[in-house]
Structures are given as C-alpha cells and as structure tokens.
Protein backbone atom coordinates (compact mmCIF):
# COMPACT_ATOMS: atom_id res chain seq x y z
CA MET A 1 -3.67 -12.09 21.94
CA ALA A 2 -5.99 -13.69 19.48
CA SER A 3 -4.43 -17.01 20.17
CA LEU A 4 -6.30 -16.39 23.72
CA LEU A 5 -9.90 -16.30 22.37
CA PRO A 6 -9.62 -19.12 19.77
CA GLY A 7 -13.35 -19.10 17.75
CA ASP A 8 -14.02 -15.11 19.71
CA VAL A 9 -11.93 -13.05 17.66
CA THR A 10 -12.66 -12.46 14.15
CA ASN A 11 -11.01 -10.08 11.43
CA ARG A 12 -13.16 -6.93 10.66
CA LEU A 13 -12.10 -4.39 8.18
CA LEU A 14 -11.94 -0.97 10.30
CA ARG A 15 -14.01 1.95 8.70
CA ALA A 16 -13.67 5.96 9.82
CA CYS A 17 -17.64 7.24 9.60
CA ILE A 18 -19.23 10.26 10.47
CA THR A 19 -22.39 10.98 11.04
CA ARG A 20 -25.40 13.68 9.74
CA GLN A 21 -24.13 14.95 13.03
CA GLY A 22 -20.48 15.11 12.92
CA ASN A 23 -20.27 12.61 15.08
CA MET A 24 -17.02 10.27 14.08
CA LEU A 25 -16.89 6.43 14.54
CA ILE A 26 -15.51 2.74 13.46
CA TRP A 27 -17.25 0.94 11.98
CA PRO A 28 -16.04 -3.36 12.44
CA ILE A 29 -16.93 -4.85 8.96
CA GLY A 30 -17.04 -8.83 8.52
CA VAL A 31 -14.76 -10.09 6.34
CA PRO A 32 -14.55 -13.44 4.57
CA ASP A 33 -13.03 -16.13 7.00
CA ASP A 34 -9.97 -17.95 5.93
CA GLN A 35 -11.48 -21.04 4.57
CA GLY A 36 -12.74 -17.95 1.80
CA ARG A 37 -15.95 -17.85 3.39
CA ASP A 38 -17.77 -15.18 3.94
CA ASN A 39 -21.39 -13.37 5.09
CA SER A 40 -24.01 -11.59 2.99
CA TRP A 41 -24.72 -9.24 6.32
CA HIS A 42 -21.30 -8.69 5.87
CA ALA A 43 -21.02 -8.05 2.19
CA SER A 44 -23.36 -6.55 2.10
CA ALA A 45 -22.16 -3.27 4.74
CA ARG A 46 -18.88 -3.77 2.63
CA ALA A 47 -20.92 -3.12 -0.62
CA ALA A 48 -22.29 0.51 2.09
CA ALA A 49 -19.60 1.86 3.23
CA GLU A 50 -17.59 1.31 -0.83
CA ASN A 51 -20.87 3.90 -1.64
CA ALA A 52 -20.77 5.54 1.33
CA GLU A 53 -17.19 6.57 0.39
CA LYS A 54 -19.09 8.97 -2.30
CA GLU A 55 -21.67 9.56 -1.04
CA TRP A 56 -24.20 10.51 2.13
CA ILE A 57 -25.96 7.01 2.82
CA ARG A 58 -28.64 5.23 5.11
CA ILE A 59 -28.34 1.37 5.63
CA LEU A 60 -30.93 -0.25 7.34
CA PRO A 61 -31.37 -4.17 8.38
CA ASN A 62 -32.95 -6.80 5.95
CA ARG A 63 -33.89 -9.51 7.35
CA GLU A 64 -35.73 -10.99 4.92
CA VAL A 65 -32.49 -10.38 2.30
CA GLY A 66 -29.94 -11.47 5.10
CA GLY A 67 -28.37 -8.26 4.48
CA TYR A 68 -28.45 -4.13 4.64
CA ASP A 69 -30.81 -1.98 2.22
CA VAL A 70 -28.41 0.53 1.10
CA PHE A 71 -29.78 4.65 0.41
CA SER A 72 -29.12 7.55 -0.30
CA VAL A 73 -29.79 10.69 1.19
CA SER A 74 -32.39 12.51 -0.95
CA VAL A 75 -31.39 15.63 0.27
CA PRO A 76 -28.35 18.56 -0.29
CA VAL A 77 -25.78 17.60 2.54
CA PRO A 78 -22.86 19.34 2.85
CA ASP A 79 -19.67 16.77 2.62
CA PRO A 80 -18.34 15.75 6.08
CA ASP A 81 -15.40 17.51 7.99
CA TRP A 82 -13.00 15.22 8.81
CA PRO A 83 -10.50 15.69 11.16
CA ASP A 84 -6.62 16.60 10.20
CA MET A 85 -5.09 13.47 12.19
CA PRO A 86 -3.56 10.42 10.31
CA PHE A 87 -6.08 7.05 11.02
CA ASN A 88 -3.96 4.93 13.72
CA GLU A 89 -4.25 8.75 15.28
CA ILE A 90 -8.23 8.26 15.58
CA LEU A 91 -7.76 4.24 16.12
CA ARG A 92 -5.50 5.40 19.39
CA ILE A 93 -8.51 7.58 20.68
CA ALA A 94 -11.07 5.06 19.66
CA PHE A 95 -9.70 2.40 21.69
CA SER A 96 -8.67 4.36 24.84
CA ASN A 97 -9.38 3.73 28.26
CA ASP A 98 -8.71 0.04 28.38
CA GLY A 99 -10.95 -0.70 25.27
CA LEU A 100 -7.38 -2.50 23.81
CA ILE A 101 -7.16 -5.53 24.89
CA ASP A 102 -2.81 -6.02 25.29
CA ARG A 103 -2.49 -8.10 27.71
CA GLU A 104 -3.72 -11.06 28.90
CA GLY A 105 -4.40 -9.65 32.61
CA HIS A 106 -7.33 -7.37 30.48
CA PRO A 107 -10.60 -7.36 32.45
CA ALA A 108 -12.25 -7.88 28.70
CA LEU A 109 -10.07 -11.26 29.27
CA ARG A 110 -11.36 -12.02 32.17
CA ARG A 111 -14.64 -11.97 32.11
CA LEU A 112 -14.09 -13.70 28.89
CA ARG A 113 -12.42 -16.36 31.22
CA GLY A 114 -15.83 -15.74 33.64
CA GLU A 115 -12.71 -14.79 36.65
CA ILE A 116 -14.27 -11.44 36.79
C-alpha cells in the first residue's frame, strides 16, 4: 500500500506502552530513512522508549534541543500489568475498525487523493 502514497508513508518502530492509568497504546516512533538519515526527535523518542523498558518515565517535548526530555518518575510505581497476548494480537486490536489500510479503495487513501 505504501507504493500508492510515495512521500506520504514512512517507516515506524511500533512500541507497546502502558500509561500510569493502565491504558495501553501503540507508540509509532520514527526510524532513520533508507539513506540512514535520522531526526533528533525520533532518536530521542527511541532512547526514551529504551529507558521506559527499565523504569516508568515521563517525556516532554523540548523544542530548544529538538527532541524529548526524559524524566524518571520520582515516586515508586508498581510495574505495569501487561495483557497476556502476543504483540500481533495487540496490533490487530489497535488497527481494527478501519485503522488498517489494506486496499486501494480504503477511505483514508481516498481522502488523501481528494476523492472524498
């Protein structure tokens, strides 16, 4: 499907996350392009995601440095309660309800082409 939108589709690293409120989300983090060029925002997000595997964190955008500031949580927080399901099942749920662009006539593609 990416070939139908040259320039509009980029690769992302998908990371499963859980908020302090227990809500799960998929965090799409930018990766270097095909020529190896990176973006400081993407690099700092990847570093934050790696840090978040070890401890609870909070991230805030910092335009001055062109990336995210990462803060460790200062109070003890219990480990997250991860669902007992494989990542591909988590992705299936996340991209249900027309969130997966799987055909040329998908409404999201039609909107990008100005058809609707």
